[in-house]
Amino acid sequence: MQAAREALIARRESHLDQWTDKLREKRVRRVIEPVLGGVEDTASIAIDDLQYVRDLGLIAQDAPVRIANPIYREAIPRDLAYTTEEMNFGGQDPAWHVGADGRLRTGKLLAAFQRFYRERSEH
C-alpha cells in the first residue's frame, strides 16, 4: 500500500497535478498553510476561503478543518516544497544522503542543512 501511494505521488498523476496551480493561489494557501502547520484556531481564516478550498476537495467537508485524505496529506506538502527542493538540491542526487547500508546519513544531511541555512538566513 505504501509503495503504491509513493508511486502515485511521485508520478504526479494528472488529477493530483491539477491542483498544483490552485495551491499557488493566496486564498488556498491561507487555508492550507495553517492546517499543515497544525494551527487549531481556524477562526482567522476567511469563511469564503475555507469554503473555496472545501469545494476544491482539498480539505474535509466536516470539522475539524483538516486535509481531505491520506494521499493529499502527503502530496500537498510535497507539492508545495517541490520547486524549493529542486532548486536547493541544485541537481544533486538525493541518494547522496543515503549510505551504502541504505540508512540516512543524518550527519551529512544536517551539515548540508546548516550550510544552506547560514547562507540564506538573516541574522
PDB file of N, CA and C in Angstrom:
ATOM      1  N   MET A   1       0.833  -1.193   0.000  1.00  0.00           N
ATOM      2  CA  MET A   1       0.000   0.000   0.000  1.00  0.00           C
ATOM      3  C   MET A   1       0.876   1.254   0.000  1.00  0.00           C
ATOM      4  N   GLN A   2       1.906   1.281   0.868  1.00  0.00           N
ATOM      5  CA  GLN A   2       2.801   2.431   0.941  1.00  0.00           C
ATOM      6  C   GLN A   2       3.510   2.641  -0.396  1.00  0.00           C
ATOM      7  N   ALA A   3       3.971   1.554  -1.024  1.00  0.00           N
ATOM      8  CA  ALA A   3       4.683   1.653  -2.300  1.00  0.00           C
ATOM      9  C   ALA A   3       3.765   2.192  -3.387  1.00  0.00           C
ATOM     10  N   ALA A   4       2.518   1.759  -3.386  1.00  0.00           N
ATOM     11  CA  ALA A   4       1.561   2.240  -4.390  1.00  0.00           C
ATOM     12  C   ALA A   4       1.289   3.727  -4.205  1.00  0.00           C
ATOM     13  N   ARG A   5       1.152   4.139  -2.941  1.00  0.00           N
ATOM     14  CA  ARG A   5       0.909   5.551  -2.666  1.00  0.00           C
ATOM     15  C   ARG A   5       2.105   6.396  -3.096  1.00  0.00           C
ATOM     16  N   GLU A   6       3.308   5.931  -2.780  1.00  0.00           N
ATOM     17  CA  GLU A   6       4.534   6.635  -3.182  1.00  0.00           C
ATOM     18  C   GLU A   6       4.608   6.772  -4.705  1.00  0.00           C
ATOM     19  N   ALA A   7       4.291   5.686  -5.412  1.00  0.00           N
ATOM     20  CA  ALA A   7       4.341   5.707  -6.874  1.00  0.00           C
ATOM     21  C   ALA A   7       3.342   6.702  -7.440  1.00  0.00           C
ATOM     22  N   LEU A   8       2.152   6.736  -6.877  1.00  0.00           N
ATOM     23  CA  LEU A   8       1.125   7.665  -7.333  1.00  0.00           C
ATOM     24  C   LEU A   8       1.564   9.107  -7.140  1.00  0.00           C
ATOM     25  N   ILE A   9       2.104   9.402  -5.983  1.00  0.00           N
ATOM     26  CA  ILE A   9       2.543  10.766  -5.688  1.00  0.00           C
ATOM     27  C   ILE A   9       3.742  11.135  -6.548  1.00  0.00           C
ATOM     28  N   ALA A  10       4.695  10.245  -6.677  1.00  0.00           N
ATOM     29  CA  ALA A  10       5.910  10.526  -7.459  1.00  0.00           C
ATOM     30  C   ALA A  10       5.599  10.756  -8.929  1.00  0.00           C
ATOM     31  N   ARG A  11       4.613  10.040  -9.449  1.00  0.00           N
ATOM     32  CA  ARG A  11       4.257  10.206 -10.869  1.00  0.00           C
ATOM     33  C   ARG A  11       3.527  11.513 -11.115  1.00  0.00           C
ATOM     34  N   ARG A  12       3.077  12.155 -10.050  1.00  0.00           N
ATOM     35  CA  ARG A  12       2.340  13.417 -10.159  1.00  0.00           C
ATOM     36  C   ARG A  12       1.163  13.250 -11.114  1.00  0.00           C
ATOM     37  N   GLU A  13       0.331  12.244 -10.801  1.00  0.00           N
ATOM     38  CA  GLU A  13      -0.831  11.939 -11.615  1.00  0.00           C
ATOM     39  C   GLU A  13      -1.606  13.208 -11.949  1.00  0.00           C
ATOM     40  N   SER A  14      -2.273  13.198 -13.101  1.00  0.00           N
ATOM     41  CA  SER A  14      -2.918  14.409 -13.597  1.00  0.00           C
ATOM     42  C   SER A  14      -3.924  14.999 -12.616  1.00  0.00           C
ATOM     43  N   HIS A  15      -4.724  14.168 -11.944  1.00  0.00           N
ATOM     44  CA  HIS A  15      -5.703  14.749 -11.018  1.00  0.00           C
ATOM     45  C   HIS A  15      -5.004  15.368  -9.811  1.00  0.00           C
ATOM     46  N   LEU A  16      -3.859  14.835  -9.405  1.00  0.00           N
ATOM     47  CA  LEU A  16      -3.110  15.465  -8.322  1.00  0.00           C
ATOM     48  C   LEU A  16      -2.398  16.712  -8.827  1.00  0.00           C
ATOM     49  N   ASP A  17      -1.926  16.639 -10.046  1.00  0.00           N
ATOM     50  CA  ASP A  17      -1.180  17.752 -10.626  1.00  0.00           C
ATOM     51  C   ASP A  17      -2.093  18.945 -10.924  1.00  0.00           C
ATOM     52  N   GLN A  18      -3.382  18.696 -11.119  1.00  0.00           N
ATOM     53  CA  GLN A  18      -4.302  19.774 -11.464  1.00  0.00           C
ATOM     54  C   GLN A  18      -4.422  20.813 -10.361  1.00  0.00           C
ATOM     55  N   TRP A  19      -4.300  20.402  -9.111  1.00  0.00           N
ATOM     56  CA  TRP A  19      -4.428  21.413  -8.058  1.00  0.00           C
ATOM     57  C   TRP A  19      -3.124  22.078  -7.704  1.00  0.00           C
ATOM     58  N   THR A  20      -2.070  21.777  -8.444  1.00  0.00           N
ATOM     59  CA  THR A  20      -0.805  22.465  -8.212  1.00  0.00           C
ATOM     60  C   THR A  20      -0.978  23.968  -8.386  1.00  0.00           C
ATOM     61  N   ASP A  21      -1.652  24.359  -9.440  1.00  0.00           N
ATOM     62  CA  ASP A  21      -1.906  25.789  -9.662  1.00  0.00           C
ATOM     63  C   ASP A  21      -2.787  26.367  -8.564  1.00  0.00           C
ATOM     64  N   LYS A  22      -3.733  25.590  -8.106  1.00  0.00           N
ATOM     65  CA  LYS A  22      -4.619  26.057  -7.033  1.00  0.00           C
ATOM     66  C   LYS A  22      -3.830  26.321  -5.752  1.00  0.00           C
ATOM     67  N   LEU A  23      -2.825  25.491  -5.484  1.00  0.00           N
ATOM     68  CA  LEU A  23      -2.027  25.673  -4.271  1.00  0.00           C
ATOM     69  C   LEU A  23      -1.226  26.964  -4.298  1.00  0.00           C
ATOM     70  N   ARG A  24      -1.036  27.531  -5.468  1.00  0.00           N
ATOM     71  CA  ARG A  24      -0.317  28.804  -5.581  1.00  0.00           C
ATOM     72  C   ARG A  24      -1.217  30.004  -5.302  1.00  0.00           C
ATOM     73  N   GLU A  25      -2.521  29.782  -5.308  1.00  0.00           N
ATOM     74  CA  GLU A  25      -3.463  30.876  -5.051  1.00  0.00           C
ATOM     75  C   GLU A  25      -3.387  31.285  -3.585  1.00  0.00           C
ATOM     76  N   LYS A  26      -3.376  32.586  -3.355  1.00  0.00           N
ATOM     77  CA  LYS A  26      -3.269  33.096  -1.984  1.00  0.00           C
ATOM     78  C   LYS A  26      -4.396  32.594  -1.099  1.00  0.00           C
ATOM     79  N   ARG A  27      -5.602  32.564  -1.620  1.00  0.00           N
ATOM     80  CA  ARG A  27      -6.737  32.164  -0.791  1.00  0.00           C
ATOM     81  C   ARG A  27      -6.660  30.690  -0.403  1.00  0.00           C
ATOM     82  N   VAL A  28      -6.049  29.871  -1.238  1.00  0.00           N
ATOM     83  CA  VAL A  28      -5.866  28.463  -0.913  1.00  0.00           C
ATOM     84  C   VAL A  28      -4.746  28.312   0.114  1.00  0.00           C
ATOM     85  N   ARG A  29      -3.662  29.029  -0.090  1.00  0.00           N
ATOM     86  CA  ARG A  29      -2.532  28.965   0.849  1.00  0.00           C
ATOM     87  C   ARG A  29      -2.924  29.470   2.239  1.00  0.00           C
ATOM     88  N   ARG A  30      -3.827  30.467   2.297  1.00  0.00           N
ATOM     89  CA  ARG A  30      -4.271  30.990   3.592  1.00  0.00           C
ATOM     90  C   ARG A  30      -5.009  29.932   4.408  1.00  0.00           C
ATOM     91  N   VAL A  31      -5.525  28.915   3.746  1.00  0.00           N
ATOM     92  CA  VAL A  31      -6.194  27.819   4.442  1.00  0.00           C
ATOM     93  C   VAL A  31      -5.229  26.648   4.656  1.00  0.00           C
ATOM     94  N   ILE A  32      -4.539  26.251   3.596  1.00  0.00           N
ATOM     95  CA  ILE A  32      -3.701  25.053   3.641  1.00  0.00           C
ATOM     96  C   ILE A  32      -2.509  25.205   4.581  1.00  0.00           C
ATOM     97  N   GLU A  33      -1.829  26.341   4.538  1.00  0.00           N
ATOM     98  CA  GLU A  33      -0.623  26.500   5.360  1.00  0.00           C
ATOM     99  C   GLU A  33      -0.896  26.377   6.859  1.00  0.00           C
ATOM    100  N   PRO A  34      -1.927  27.037   7.395  1.00  0.00           N
ATOM    101  CA  PRO A  34      -2.190  26.841   8.828  1.00  0.00           C
ATOM    102  C   PRO A  34      -2.593  25.399   9.163  1.00  0.00           C
ATOM    103  N   VAL A  35      -3.336  24.766   8.265  1.00  0.00           N
ATOM    104  CA  VAL A  35      -3.744  23.387   8.503  1.00  0.00           C
ATOM    105  C   VAL A  35      -2.510  22.484   8.558  1.00  0.00           C
ATOM    106  N   LEU A  36      -1.594  22.664   7.615  1.00  0.00           N
ATOM    107  CA  LEU A  36      -0.371  21.868   7.606  1.00  0.00           C
ATOM    108  C   LEU A  36       0.503  22.182   8.814  1.00  0.00           C
ATOM    109  N   GLY A  37       0.446  23.424   9.277  1.00  0.00           N
ATOM    110  CA  GLY A  37       1.247  23.838  10.419  1.00  0.00           C
ATOM    111  C   GLY A  37       0.665  23.416  11.755  1.00  0.00           C
ATOM    112  N   GLY A  38      -0.506  22.818  11.724  1.00  0.00           N
ATOM    113  CA  GLY A  38      -1.110  22.328  12.953  1.00  0.00           C
ATOM    114  C   GLY A  38      -1.853  23.377  13.748  1.00  0.00           C
ATOM    115  N   VAL A  39      -2.178  24.502  13.117  1.00  0.00           N
ATOM    116  CA  VAL A  39      -2.921  25.554  13.813  1.00  0.00           C
ATOM    117  C   VAL A  39      -4.346  25.064  14.047  1.00  0.00           C
ATOM    118  N   GLU A  40      -4.749  25.062  15.294  1.00  0.00           N
ATOM    119  CA  GLU A  40      -6.079  24.564  15.618  1.00  0.00           C
ATOM    120  C   GLU A  40      -7.136  25.653  15.575  1.00  0.00           C
ATOM    121  N   ASP A  41      -6.737  26.897  15.817  1.00  0.00           N
ATOM    122  CA  ASP A  41      -7.687  28.006  15.788  1.00  0.00           C
ATOM    123  C   ASP A  41      -7.808  28.506  14.357  1.00  0.00           C
ATOM    124  N   THR A  42      -8.864  28.094  13.692  1.00  0.00           N
ATOM    125  CA  THR A  42      -9.070  28.492  12.292  1.00  0.00           C
ATOM    126  C   THR A  42     -10.029  29.677  12.174  1.00  0.00           C
ATOM    127  N   ALA A  43     -10.315  30.336  13.296  1.00  0.00           N
ATOM    128  CA  ALA A  43     -11.247  31.460  13.285  1.00  0.00           C
ATOM    129  C   ALA A  43     -10.743  32.617  12.421  1.00  0.00           C
ATOM    130  N   SER A  44      -9.440  32.721  12.246  1.00  0.00           N
ATOM    131  CA  SER A  44      -8.888  33.825  11.459  1.00  0.00           C
ATOM    132  C   SER A  44      -8.950  33.565   9.951  1.00  0.00           C
ATOM    133  N   ILE A  45      -9.340  32.361   9.559  1.00  0.00           N
ATOM    134  CA  ILE A  45      -9.448  32.033   8.131  1.00  0.00           C
ATOM    135  C   ILE A  45     -10.788  32.520   7.614  1.00  0.00           C
ATOM    136  N   ALA A  46     -10.758  33.247   6.507  1.00  0.00           N
ATOM    137  CA  ALA A  46     -11.992  33.761   5.919  1.00  0.00           C
ATOM    138  C   ALA A  46     -12.911  32.611   5.514  1.00  0.00           C
ATOM    139  N   ILE A  47     -14.184  32.748   5.831  1.00  0.00           N
ATOM    140  CA  ILE A  47     -15.161  31.694   5.534  1.00  0.00           C
ATOM    141  C   ILE A  47     -15.211  31.399   4.038  1.00  0.00           C
ATOM    142  N   ASP A  48     -15.118  32.447   3.211  1.00  0.00           N
ATOM    143  CA  ASP A  48     -15.137  32.242   1.759  1.00  0.00           C
ATOM    144  C   ASP A  48     -13.944  31.408   1.301  1.00  0.00           C
ATOM    145  N   ASP A  49     -12.769  31.681   1.865  1.00  0.00           N
ATOM    146  CA  ASP A  49     -11.573  30.918   1.514  1.00  0.00           C
ATOM    147  C   ASP A  49     -11.725  29.463   1.948  1.00  0.00           C
ATOM    148  N   LEU A  50     -12.228  29.278   3.151  1.00  0.00           N
ATOM    149  CA  LEU A  50     -12.423  27.933   3.681  1.00  0.00           C
ATOM    150  C   LEU A  50     -13.386  27.137   2.793  1.00  0.00           C
ATOM    151  N   GLN A  51     -14.482  27.754   2.417  1.00  0.00           N
ATOM    152  CA  GLN A  51     -15.464  27.058   1.578  1.00  0.00           C
ATOM    153  C   GLN A  51     -14.898  26.770   0.183  1.00  0.00           C
ATOM    154  N   TYR A  52     -14.121  27.695  -0.354  1.00  0.00           N
ATOM    155  CA  TYR A  52     -13.494  27.502  -1.667  1.00  0.00           C
ATOM    156  C   TYR A  52     -12.579  26.280  -1.650  1.00  0.00           C
ATOM    157  N   VAL A  53     -11.754  26.157  -0.615  1.00  0.00           N
ATOM    158  CA  VAL A  53     -10.831  25.031  -0.509  1.00  0.00           C
ATOM    159  C   VAL A  53     -11.594  23.733  -0.256  1.00  0.00           C
ATOM    160  N   ARG A  54     -12.694  23.816   0.483  1.00  0.00           N
ATOM    161  CA  ARG A  54     -13.561  22.640   0.656  1.00  0.00           C
ATOM    162  C   ARG A  54     -14.147  22.218  -0.685  1.00  0.00           C
ATOM    163  N   ASP A  55     -14.615  23.190  -1.457  1.00  0.00           N
ATOM    164  CA  ASP A  55     -15.198  22.894  -2.770  1.00  0.00           C
ATOM    165  C   ASP A  55     -14.183  22.260  -3.712  1.00  0.00           C
ATOM    166  N   LEU A  56     -12.923  22.616  -3.559  1.00  0.00           N
ATOM    167  CA  LEU A  56     -11.860  22.009  -4.364  1.00  0.00           C
ATOM    168  C   LEU A  56     -11.589  20.567  -3.930  1.00  0.00           C
ATOM    169  N   GLY A  57     -12.050  20.213  -2.737  1.00  0.00           N
ATOM    170  CA  GLY A  57     -11.847  18.861  -2.226  1.00  0.00           C
ATOM    171  C   GLY A  57     -10.521  18.667  -1.525  1.00  0.00           C
ATOM    172  N   LEU A  58      -9.833  19.768  -1.215  1.00  0.00           N
ATOM    173  CA  LEU A  58      -8.529  19.669  -0.568  1.00  0.00           C
ATOM    174  C   LEU A  58      -8.635  19.481   0.935  1.00  0.00           C
ATOM    175  N   ILE A  59      -9.713  19.975   1.523  1.00  0.00           N
ATOM    176  CA  ILE A  59      -9.917  19.760   2.956  1.00  0.00           C
ATOM    177  C   ILE A  59     -11.248  19.034   3.156  1.00  0.00           C
ATOM    178  N   ALA A  60     -11.364  18.387   4.296  1.00  0.00           N
ATOM    179  CA  ALA A  60     -12.558  17.607   4.609  1.00  0.00           C
ATOM    180  C   ALA A  60     -13.789  18.504   4.686  1.00  0.00           C
ATOM    181  N   GLN A  61     -14.918  17.914   4.400  1.00  0.00           N
ATOM    182  CA  GLN A  61     -16.181  18.645   4.400  1.00  0.00           C
ATOM    183  C   GLN A  61     -16.695  18.918   5.809  1.00  0.00           C
ATOM    184  N   ASP A  62     -16.222  18.147   6.790  1.00  0.00           N
ATOM    185  CA  ASP A  62     -16.714  18.308   8.157  1.00  0.00           C
ATOM    186  C   ASP A  62     -15.589  18.787   9.071  1.00  0.00           C
ATOM    187  N   ALA A  63     -15.971  19.176  10.266  1.00  0.00           N
ATOM    188  CA  ALA A  63     -14.997  19.640  11.261  1.00  0.00           C
ATOM    189  C   ALA A  63     -14.296  18.443  11.871  1.00  0.00           C
ATOM    190  N   PRO A  64     -13.090  18.621  12.352  1.00  0.00           N
ATOM    191  CA  PRO A  64     -12.263  19.820  12.306  1.00  0.00           C
ATOM    192  C   PRO A  64     -11.653  20.010  10.921  1.00  0.00           C
ATOM    193  N   VAL A  65     -11.166  21.218  10.676  1.00  0.00           N
ATOM    194  CA  VAL A  65     -10.538  21.515   9.398  1.00  0.00           C
ATOM    195  C   VAL A  65      -9.269  20.688   9.293  1.00  0.00           C
ATOM    196  N   ARG A  66      -9.181  19.886   8.236  1.00  0.00           N
ATOM    197  CA  ARG A  66      -8.039  19.000   8.018  1.00  0.00           C
ATOM    198  C   ARG A  66      -7.955  18.663   6.532  1.00  0.00           C
ATOM    199  N   ILE A  67      -6.788  18.200   6.115  1.00  0.00           N
ATOM    200  CA  ILE A  67      -6.608  17.777   4.734  1.00  0.00           C
ATOM    201  C   ILE A  67      -7.568  16.616   4.480  1.00  0.00           C
ATOM    202  N   ALA A  68      -8.138  16.573   3.280  1.00  0.00           N
ATOM    203  CA  ALA A  68      -9.252  15.675   2.978  1.00  0.00           C
ATOM    204  C   ALA A  68      -8.956  14.187   3.097  1.00  0.00           C
ATOM    205  N   ASN A  69      -7.763  13.754   2.705  1.00  0.00           N
ATOM    206  CA  ASN A  69      -7.498  12.313   2.741  1.00  0.00           C
ATOM    207  C   ASN A  69      -6.001  12.052   2.904  1.00  0.00           C
ATOM    208  N   PRO A  70      -5.624  10.814   3.207  1.00  0.00           N
ATOM    209  CA  PRO A  70      -4.211  10.499   3.469  1.00  0.00           C
ATOM    210  C   PRO A  70      -3.273  10.803   2.296  1.00  0.00           C
ATOM    211  N   ILE A  71      -3.722  10.557   1.086  1.00  0.00           N
ATOM    212  CA  ILE A  71      -2.844  10.836  -0.062  1.00  0.00           C
ATOM    213  C   ILE A  71      -2.610  12.330  -0.179  1.00  0.00           C
ATOM    214  N   TYR A  72      -3.643  13.130  -0.024  1.00  0.00           N
ATOM    215  CA  TYR A  72      -3.468  14.580  -0.077  1.00  0.00           C
ATOM    216  C   TYR A  72      -2.575  15.061   1.064  1.00  0.00           C
ATOM    217  N   ARG A  73      -2.690  14.433   2.262  1.00  0.00           N
ATOM    218  CA  ARG A  73      -1.844  14.829   3.392  1.00  0.00           C
ATOM    219  C   ARG A  73      -0.361  14.649   3.067  1.00  0.00           C
ATOM    220  N   GLU A  74      -0.041  13.689   2.223  1.00  0.00           N
ATOM    221  CA  GLU A  74       1.346  13.506   1.806  1.00  0.00           C
ATOM    222  C   GLU A  74       1.690  14.346   0.588  1.00  0.00           C
ATOM    223  N   ALA A  75       0.778  14.406  -0.366  1.00  0.00           N
ATOM    224  CA  ALA A  75       1.077  15.039  -1.646  1.00  0.00           C
ATOM    225  C   ALA A  75       1.115  16.561  -1.565  1.00  0.00           C
ATOM    226  N   ILE A  76       0.245  17.173  -0.792  1.00  0.00           N
ATOM    227  CA  ILE A  76       0.188  18.639  -0.739  1.00  0.00           C
ATOM    228  C   ILE A  76       1.489  19.240  -0.205  1.00  0.00           C
ATOM    229  N   PRO A  77       2.017  18.790   0.935  1.00  0.00           N
ATOM    230  CA  PRO A  77       3.295  19.365   1.382  1.00  0.00           C
ATOM    231  C   PRO A  77       4.423  19.128   0.377  1.00  0.00           C
ATOM    232  N   ARG A  78       4.425  17.955  -0.242  1.00  0.00           N
ATOM    233  CA  ARG A  78       5.459  17.672  -1.247  1.00  0.00           C
ATOM    234  C   ARG A  78       5.333  18.612  -2.433  1.00  0.00           C
ATOM    235  N   ASP A  79       4.091  18.846  -2.843  1.00  0.00           N
ATOM    236  CA  ASP A  79       3.874  19.730  -3.980  1.00  0.00           C
ATOM    237  C   ASP A  79       4.298  21.154  -3.641  1.00  0.00           C
ATOM    238  N   LEU A  80       3.983  21.615  -2.443  1.00  0.00           N
ATOM    239  CA  LEU A  80       4.371  22.957  -2.031  1.00  0.00           C
ATOM    240  C   LEU A  80       5.887  23.104  -1.954  1.00  0.00           C
ATOM    241  N   ALA A  81       6.568  22.030  -1.599  1.00  0.00           N
ATOM    242  CA  ALA A  81       8.023  22.084  -1.443  1.00  0.00           C
ATOM    243  C   ALA A  81       8.789  21.654  -2.690  1.00  0.00           C
ATOM    244  N   TYR A  82       8.101  21.164  -3.711  1.00  0.00           N
ATOM    245  CA  TYR A  82       8.761  20.570  -4.878  1.00  0.00           C
ATOM    246  C   TYR A  82       9.764  21.505  -5.543  1.00  0.00           C
ATOM    247  N   THR A  83       9.339  22.703  -5.883  1.00  0.00           N
ATOM    248  CA  THR A  83      10.222  23.644  -6.572  1.00  0.00           C
ATOM    249  C   THR A  83      11.397  24.029  -5.699  1.00  0.00           C
ATOM    250  N   THR A  84      11.134  24.273  -4.418  1.00  0.00           N
ATOM    251  CA  THR A  84      12.205  24.628  -3.494  1.00  0.00           C
ATOM    252  C   THR A  84      13.222  23.502  -3.387  1.00  0.00           C
ATOM    253  N   GLU A  85      12.735  22.275  -3.277  1.00  0.00           N
ATOM    254  CA  GLU A  85      13.639  21.135  -3.193  1.00  0.00           C
ATOM    255  C   GLU A  85      14.498  21.025  -4.440  1.00  0.00           C
ATOM    256  N   GLU A  86      13.880  21.180  -5.594  1.00  0.00           N
ATOM    257  CA  GLU A  86      14.619  21.066  -6.849  1.00  0.00           C
ATOM    258  C   GLU A  86      15.696  22.144  -6.937  1.00  0.00           C
ATOM    259  N   MET A  87      15.365  23.346  -6.527  1.00  0.00           N
ATOM    260  CA  MET A  87      16.324  24.448  -6.602  1.00  0.00           C
ATOM    261  C   MET A  87      17.432  24.281  -5.565  1.00  0.00           C
ATOM    262  N   ASN A  88      17.085  23.860  -4.358  1.00  0.00           N
ATOM    263  CA  ASN A  88      18.071  23.763  -3.287  1.00  0.00           C
ATOM    264  C   ASN A  88      19.031  22.601  -3.459  1.00  0.00           C
ATOM    265  N   PHE A  89      18.556  21.504  -4.015  1.00  0.00           N
ATOM    266  CA  PHE A  89      19.467  20.395  -4.260  1.00  0.00           C
ATOM    267  C   PHE A  89      20.326  20.679  -5.481  1.00  0.00           C
ATOM    268  N   GLY A  90      19.894  21.642  -6.312  1.00  0.00           N
ATOM    269  CA  GLY A  90      20.694  22.041  -7.460  1.00  0.00           C
ATOM    270  C   GLY A  90      21.113  20.879  -8.331  1.00  0.00           C
ATOM    271  N   GLY A  91      20.198  19.961  -8.573  1.00  0.00           N
ATOM    272  CA  GLY A  91      20.514  18.821  -9.404  1.00  0.00           C
ATOM    273  C   GLY A  91      21.247  17.723  -8.662  1.00  0.00           C
ATOM    274  N   GLN A  92      21.496  17.939  -7.387  1.00  0.00           N
ATOM    275  CA  GLN A  92      22.206  16.940  -6.590  1.00  0.00           C
ATOM    276  C   GLN A  92      21.307  15.724  -6.393  1.00  0.00           C
ATOM    277  N   ASP A  93      21.865  14.566  -6.589  1.00  0.00           N
ATOM    278  CA  ASP A  93      21.127  13.328  -6.416  1.00  0.00           C
ATOM    279  C   ASP A  93      20.819  13.124  -4.933  1.00  0.00           C
ATOM    280  N   PRO A  94      19.523  12.988  -4.567  1.00  0.00           N
ATOM    281  CA  PRO A  94      19.187  12.777  -3.160  1.00  0.00           C
ATOM    282  C   PRO A  94      19.840  11.530  -2.576  1.00  0.00           C
ATOM    283  N   ALA A  95      20.290  10.613  -3.415  1.00  0.00           N
ATOM    284  CA  ALA A  95      20.965   9.409  -2.929  1.00  0.00           C
ATOM    285  C   ALA A  95      22.250   9.765  -2.189  1.00  0.00           C
ATOM    286  N   TRP A  96      22.755  10.977  -2.388  1.00  0.00           N
ATOM    287  CA  TRP A  96      23.943  11.460  -1.693  1.00  0.00           C
ATOM    288  C   TRP A  96      23.747  11.389  -0.184  1.00  0.00           C
ATOM    289  N   HIS A  97      22.465  11.489   0.258  1.00  0.00           N
ATOM    290  CA  HIS A  97      22.144  11.495   1.677  1.00  0.00           C
ATOM    291  C   HIS A  97      21.901  10.100   2.237  1.00  0.00           C
ATOM    292  N   VAL A  98      22.079   9.079   1.387  1.00  0.00           N
ATOM    293  CA  VAL A  98      21.832   7.707   1.818  1.00  0.00           C
ATOM    294  C   VAL A  98      23.137   6.925   1.751  1.00  0.00           C
ATOM    295  N   GLY A  99      23.461   6.242   2.831  1.00  0.00           N
ATOM    296  CA  GLY A  99      24.694   5.455   2.893  1.00  0.00           C
ATOM    297  C   GLY A  99      24.559   4.137   2.135  1.00  0.00           C
ATOM    298  N   ALA A 100      25.653   3.430   2.003  1.00  0.00           N
ATOM    299  CA  ALA A 100      25.673   2.138   1.307  1.00  0.00           C
ATOM    300  C   ALA A 100      24.757   1.125   1.978  1.00  0.00           C
ATOM    301  N   ASP A 101      24.538   1.305   3.281  1.00  0.00           N
ATOM    302  CA  ASP A 101      23.671   0.387   4.016  1.00  0.00           C
ATOM    303  C   ASP A 101      22.192   0.748   3.892  1.00  0.00           C
ATOM    304  N   GLY A 102      21.902   1.808   3.115  1.00  0.00           N
ATOM    305  CA  GLY A 102      20.519   2.229   2.915  1.00  0.00           C
ATOM    306  C   GLY A 102      19.984   3.155   3.985  1.00  0.00           C
ATOM    307  N   ARG A 103      20.819   3.500   4.947  1.00  0.00           N
ATOM    308  CA  ARG A 103      20.385   4.375   6.037  1.00  0.00           C
ATOM    309  C   ARG A 103      20.702   5.832   5.699  1.00  0.00           C
ATOM    310  N   LEU A 104      19.886   6.702   6.214  1.00  0.00           N
ATOM    311  CA  LEU A 104      20.077   8.131   6.007  1.00  0.00           C
ATOM    312  C   LEU A 104      21.343   8.597   6.699  1.00  0.00           C
ATOM    313  N   ARG A 105      22.164   9.365   5.988  1.00  0.00           N
ATOM    314  CA  ARG A 105      23.388   9.938   6.557  1.00  0.00           C
ATOM    315  C   ARG A 105      23.007  11.230   7.274  1.00  0.00           C
ATOM    316  N   THR A 106      22.523  11.105   8.479  1.00  0.00           N
ATOM    317  CA  THR A 106      21.990  12.268   9.176  1.00  0.00           C
ATOM    318  C   THR A 106      23.054  13.334   9.428  1.00  0.00           C
ATOM    319  N   GLY A 107      24.262  12.938   9.752  1.00  0.00           N
ATOM    320  CA  GLY A 107      25.328  13.912   9.983  1.00  0.00           C
ATOM    321  C   GLY A 107      25.615  14.738   8.747  1.00  0.00           C
ATOM    322  N   LYS A 108      25.715  14.073   7.608  1.00  0.00           N
ATOM    323  CA  LYS A 108      25.995  14.751   6.344  1.00  0.00           C
ATOM    324  C   LYS A 108      24.817  15.649   5.945  1.00  0.00           C
ATOM    325  N   LEU A 109      23.600  15.139   6.140  1.00  0.00           N
ATOM    326  CA  LEU A 109      22.408  15.907   5.818  1.00  0.00           C
ATOM    327  C   LEU A 109      22.295  17.137   6.713  1.00  0.00           C
ATOM    328  N   LEU A 110      22.559  16.965   7.990  1.00  0.00           N
ATOM    329  CA  LEU A 110      22.499  18.080   8.931  1.00  0.00           C
ATOM    330  C   LEU A 110      23.549  19.139   8.593  1.00  0.00           C
ATOM    331  N   ALA A 111      24.752  18.715   8.243  1.00  0.00           N
ATOM    332  CA  ALA A 111      25.811  19.665   7.859  1.00  0.00           C
ATOM    333  C   ALA A 111      25.410  20.442   6.614  1.00  0.00           C
ATOM    334  N   ALA A 112      24.798  19.762   5.648  1.00  0.00           N
ATOM    335  CA  ALA A 112      24.349  20.433   4.418  1.00  0.00           C
ATOM    336  C   ALA A 112      23.253  21.443   4.738  1.00  0.00           C
ATOM    337  N   PHE A 113      22.344  21.068   5.632  1.00  0.00           N
ATOM    338  CA  PHE A 113      21.284  21.989   6.013  1.00  0.00           C
ATOM    339  C   PHE A 113      21.855  23.208   6.734  1.00  0.00           C
ATOM    340  N   GLN A 114      22.800  22.979   7.630  1.00  0.00           N
ATOM    341  CA  GLN A 114      23.412  24.095   8.352  1.00  0.00           C
ATOM    342  C   GLN A 114      24.096  25.058   7.381  1.00  0.00           C
ATOM    343  N   ARG A 115      24.796  24.517   6.401  1.00  0.00           N
ATOM    344  CA  ARG A 115      25.428  25.358   5.379  1.00  0.00           C
ATOM    345  C   ARG A 115      24.381  26.171   4.628  1.00  0.00           C
ATOM    346  N   PHE A 116      23.319  25.479   4.210  1.00  0.00           N
ATOM    347  CA  PHE A 116      22.226  26.133   3.491  1.00  0.00           C
ATOM    348  C   PHE A 116      21.626  27.251   4.344  1.00  0.00           C
ATOM    349  N   TYR A 117      21.355  26.955   5.608  1.00  0.00           N
ATOM    350  CA  TYR A 117      20.724  27.923   6.495  1.00  0.00           C
ATOM    351  C   TYR A 117      21.628  29.133   6.725  1.00  0.00           C
ATOM    352  N   ARG A 118      22.893  28.896   6.934  1.00  0.00           N
ATOM    353  CA  ARG A 118      23.827  30.004   7.156  1.00  0.00           C
ATOM    354  C   ARG A 118      23.908  30.935   5.943  1.00  0.00           C
ATOM    355  N   GLU A 119      23.844  30.352   4.768  1.00  0.00           N
ATOM    356  CA  GLU A 119      23.953  31.141   3.542  1.00  0.00           C
ATOM    357  C   GLU A 119      22.684  31.956   3.283  1.00  0.00           C
ATOM    358  N   ARG A 120      21.546  31.487   3.764  1.00  0.00           N
ATOM    359  CA  ARG A 120      20.290  32.125   3.369  1.00  0.00           C
ATOM    360  C   ARG A 120      19.501  32.782   4.491  1.00  0.00           C
ATOM    361  N   SER A 121      19.902  32.598   5.713  1.00  0.00           N
ATOM    362  CA  SER A 121      19.131  33.168   6.815  1.00  0.00           C
ATOM    363  C   SER A 121      19.607  34.583   7.133  1.00  0.00           C
ATOM    364  N   GLU A 122      18.699  35.342   7.689  1.00  0.00           N
ATOM    365  CA  GLU A 122      19.050  36.684   8.148  1.00  0.00           C
ATOM    366  C   GLU A 122      19.350  36.619   9.632  1.00  0.00           C
ATOM    367  N   HIS A 123      20.325  37.384  10.043  1.00  0.00           N
ATOM    368  CA  HIS A 123      20.697  37.361  11.459  1.00  0.00           C
ATOM    369  C   HIS A 123      19.745  38.199  12.270  1.00  0.00           C
TER     370      HIS A 123
END
